[in-house]
Amino acid sequence: MIFDKDGTTTIVFQEKTSLSTFMENLNNAYPKLKHDHIVVNLFSFNKISANDILEFLDLSNVHKHSGKSFVLVTDKVSYDDIPDEISVVPTLQEAKDLIEMEEIERDLGI
């Protein structure tokens, strides 16, 4: 698992692994990441479905309730198939932009 920390944001990705192994590694690493905004880069997965995205829902909800952003990055799923409570964007730049917007909303109490 590879971590790229940029200020208060950590981008997480892993090459050549299954989604279940990735999820296990992410859950094990979470205590070290829980104070940062988390961007999960899923571009290393050739195939990923909406059901695969739902595997991240519990972790996303826990992280968002702690006042931090949790964003998945992939362009391989239809955004209409993803529930609104999980953030999925097609590029890393959009993930960073979303985190900025969510920080502003939290600061304003929205």
C-alpha atoms as a PDB file:
ATOM      1  CA  MET A   1       0.000   0.000   0.000  1.00  0.00           C
ATOM      2  CA  ILE A   2       1.363   3.387  -0.983  1.00  0.00           C
ATOM      3  CA  PHE A   3       0.611   6.600   0.933  1.00  0.00           C
ATOM      4  CA  ASP A   4       1.205  10.036  -0.551  1.00  0.00           C
ATOM      5  CA  LYS A   5       0.692  12.659   2.144  1.00  0.00           C
ATOM      6  CA  ASP A   6       0.075  16.252   1.078  1.00  0.00           C
ATOM      7  CA  GLY A   7      -0.657  18.519   4.044  1.00  0.00           C
ATOM      8  CA  THR A   8      -3.801  17.195   5.737  1.00  0.00           C
ATOM      9  CA  THR A   9      -4.679  14.878   2.842  1.00  0.00           C
ATOM     10  CA  THR A  10      -3.401  11.362   2.277  1.00  0.00           C
ATOM     11  CA  ILE A  11      -3.777   9.686  -1.118  1.00  0.00           C
ATOM     12  CA  VAL A  12      -3.879   5.900  -0.835  1.00  0.00           C
ATOM     13  CA  PHE A  13      -3.251   3.448  -3.656  1.00  0.00           C
ATOM     14  CA  GLN A  14      -1.846   0.010  -4.229  1.00  0.00           C
ATOM     15  CA  GLU A  15      -0.690  -1.775  -7.321  1.00  0.00           C
ATOM     16  CA  LYS A  16      -1.271  -5.391  -8.311  1.00  0.00           C
ATOM     17  CA  THR A  17      -3.674  -6.576  -5.658  1.00  0.00           C
ATOM     18  CA  SER A  18      -7.272  -7.653  -5.295  1.00  0.00           C
ATOM     19  CA  LEU A  19      -9.923  -5.329  -3.940  1.00  0.00           C
ATOM     20  CA  SER A  20     -10.411  -7.513  -0.848  1.00  0.00           C
ATOM     21  CA  THR A  21      -6.676  -7.334  -0.045  1.00  0.00           C
ATOM     22  CA  PHE A  22      -6.705  -3.596  -0.658  1.00  0.00           C
ATOM     23  CA  MET A  23      -9.675  -3.168   1.722  1.00  0.00           C
ATOM     24  CA  GLU A  24      -7.960  -5.280   4.385  1.00  0.00           C
ATOM     25  CA  ASN A  25      -4.758  -3.219   4.093  1.00  0.00           C
ATOM     26  CA  LEU A  26      -6.729   0.038   4.182  1.00  0.00           C
ATOM     27  CA  ASN A  27      -8.645  -1.013   7.298  1.00  0.00           C
ATOM     28  CA  ASN A  28      -5.377  -2.019   8.991  1.00  0.00           C
ATOM     29  CA  ALA A  29      -3.753   1.313   8.090  1.00  0.00           C
ATOM     30  CA  TYR A  30      -6.789   3.404   9.031  1.00  0.00           C
ATOM     31  CA  PRO A  31      -5.662   4.255  12.594  1.00  0.00           C
ATOM     32  CA  LYS A  32      -2.646   6.066  11.079  1.00  0.00           C
ATOM     33  CA  LEU A  33      -4.831   7.882   8.527  1.00  0.00           C
ATOM     34  CA  LYS A  34      -7.911   8.781  10.537  1.00  0.00           C
ATOM     35  CA  HIS A  35      -6.796  12.348  11.254  1.00  0.00           C
ATOM     36  CA  ASP A  36      -6.288  13.172   7.547  1.00  0.00           C
ATOM     37  CA  HIS A  37      -8.635  13.614   4.642  1.00  0.00           C
ATOM     38  CA  ILE A  38      -8.397  10.378   2.643  1.00  0.00           C
ATOM     39  CA  VAL A  39      -8.362  10.025  -1.132  1.00  0.00           C
ATOM     40  CA  VAL A  40      -8.465   6.418  -2.343  1.00  0.00           C
ATOM     41  CA  ASN A  41      -7.063   6.116  -5.851  1.00  0.00           C
ATOM     42  CA  LEU A  42      -8.677   3.095  -7.546  1.00  0.00           C
ATOM     43  CA  PHE A  43      -7.069   3.511 -10.981  1.00  0.00           C
ATOM     44  CA  SER A  44      -4.886   0.434 -10.470  1.00  0.00           C
ATOM     45  CA  PHE A  45      -7.996  -1.771 -10.661  1.00  0.00           C
ATOM     46  CA  ASN A  46      -8.868  -2.713 -14.247  1.00  0.00           C
ATOM     47  CA  LYS A  47     -12.422  -3.649 -13.363  1.00  0.00           C
ATOM     48  CA  ILE A  48     -14.431  -2.140 -10.561  1.00  0.00           C
ATOM     49  CA  SER A  49     -18.193  -2.158 -10.117  1.00  0.00           C
ATOM     50  CA  ALA A  50     -20.711  -0.173  -8.107  1.00  0.00           C
ATOM     51  CA  ASN A  51     -20.884  -3.093  -5.674  1.00  0.00           C
ATOM     52  CA  ASP A  52     -17.118  -2.864  -5.208  1.00  0.00           C
ATOM     53  CA  ILE A  53     -17.492   0.841  -4.403  1.00  0.00           C
ATOM     54  CA  LEU A  54     -20.072  -0.027  -1.741  1.00  0.00           C
ATOM     55  CA  GLU A  55     -17.349  -1.986   0.094  1.00  0.00           C
ATOM     56  CA  PHE A  56     -15.949   1.419   1.108  1.00  0.00           C
ATOM     57  CA  LEU A  57     -19.258   2.779   2.437  1.00  0.00           C
ATOM     58  CA  ASP A  58     -18.827   1.863   6.117  1.00  0.00           C
ATOM     59  CA  LEU A  59     -15.297   3.248   6.286  1.00  0.00           C
ATOM     60  CA  SER A  60     -16.411   6.367   4.404  1.00  0.00           C
ATOM     61  CA  ASN A  61     -19.288   6.986   6.826  1.00  0.00           C
ATOM     62  CA  VAL A  62     -17.078   6.522   9.898  1.00  0.00           C
ATOM     63  CA  HIS A  63     -14.471   8.875   8.487  1.00  0.00           C
ATOM     64  CA  LYS A  64     -16.965  11.553   7.439  1.00  0.00           C
ATOM     65  CA  HIS A  65     -18.633  11.472  10.880  1.00  0.00           C
ATOM     66  CA  SER A  66     -15.243  12.345  12.376  1.00  0.00           C
ATOM     67  CA  GLY A  67     -15.265  15.573  10.339  1.00  0.00           C
ATOM     68  CA  LYS A  68     -12.884  14.518   7.589  1.00  0.00           C
ATOM     69  CA  SER A  69     -13.346  13.894   3.858  1.00  0.00           C
ATOM     70  CA  PHE A  70     -13.198  10.449   2.248  1.00  0.00           C
ATOM     71  CA  VAL A  71     -13.113  10.405  -1.564  1.00  0.00           C
ATOM     72  CA  LEU A  72     -12.773   7.544  -4.044  1.00  0.00           C
ATOM     73  CA  VAL A  73     -11.195   8.225  -7.436  1.00  0.00           C
ATOM     74  CA  THR A  74     -12.233   6.116 -10.424  1.00  0.00           C
ATOM     75  CA  ASP A  75     -13.772   6.631 -13.821  1.00  0.00           C
ATOM     76  CA  LYS A  76     -14.848   3.009 -14.244  1.00  0.00           C
ATOM     77  CA  VAL A  77     -18.300   3.199 -12.623  1.00  0.00           C
ATOM     78  CA  SER A  78     -21.519   4.996 -13.404  1.00  0.00           C
ATOM     79  CA  TYR A  79     -22.062   7.693 -10.820  1.00  0.00           C
ATOM     80  CA  ASP A  80     -25.826   7.081 -11.055  1.00  0.00           C
ATOM     81  CA  ASP A  81     -25.258   3.636  -9.478  1.00  0.00           C
ATOM     82  CA  ILE A  82     -23.433   5.024  -6.431  1.00  0.00           C
ATOM     83  CA  PRO A  83     -25.304   6.234  -3.328  1.00  0.00           C
ATOM     84  CA  ASP A  84     -24.959   9.946  -2.564  1.00  0.00           C
ATOM     85  CA  GLU A  85     -23.354   9.351   0.832  1.00  0.00           C
ATOM     86  CA  ILE A  86     -20.130   8.085  -0.749  1.00  0.00           C
ATOM     87  CA  SER A  87     -17.965  10.528  -2.691  1.00  0.00           C
ATOM     88  CA  VAL A  88     -16.666   9.265  -6.036  1.00  0.00           C
ATOM     89  CA  VAL A  89     -14.918  11.472  -8.581  1.00  0.00           C
ATOM     90  CA  PRO A  90     -13.122  10.700 -11.868  1.00  0.00           C
ATOM     91  CA  THR A  91      -9.788  12.493 -11.219  1.00  0.00           C
ATOM     92  CA  LEU A  92      -7.374  13.259  -8.392  1.00  0.00           C
ATOM     93  CA  GLN A  93      -7.754  16.994  -9.015  1.00  0.00           C
ATOM     94  CA  GLU A  94     -11.519  16.720  -8.557  1.00  0.00           C
ATOM     95  CA  ALA A  95     -10.921  14.824  -5.306  1.00  0.00           C
ATOM     96  CA  LYS A  96      -8.754  17.679  -4.028  1.00  0.00           C
ATOM     97  CA  ASP A  97     -11.369  20.223  -5.131  1.00  0.00           C
ATOM     98  CA  LEU A  98     -14.124  18.264  -3.363  1.00  0.00           C
ATOM     99  CA  ILE A  99     -12.099  18.164  -0.144  1.00  0.00           C
ATOM    100  CA  GLU A 100     -11.655  21.953  -0.322  1.00  0.00           C
ATOM    101  CA  MET A 101     -15.393  22.436  -0.832  1.00  0.00           C
ATOM    102  CA  GLU A 102     -16.242  20.088   2.057  1.00  0.00           C
ATOM    103  CA  GLU A 103     -13.791  21.929   4.339  1.00  0.00           C
ATOM    104  CA  ILE A 104     -15.491  25.226   3.496  1.00  0.00           C
ATOM    105  CA  GLU A 105     -18.903  23.674   4.208  1.00  0.00           C
ATOM    106  CA  ARG A 106     -17.682  22.341   7.570  1.00  0.00           C
ATOM    107  CA  ASP A 107     -16.215  25.754   8.461  1.00  0.00           C
ATOM    108  CA  LEU A 108     -19.557  27.406   7.634  1.00  0.00           C
ATOM    109  CA  GLY A 109     -21.514  24.736   9.508  1.00  0.00           C
ATOM    110  CA  ILE A 110     -23.392  23.565   6.413  1.00  0.00           C
END
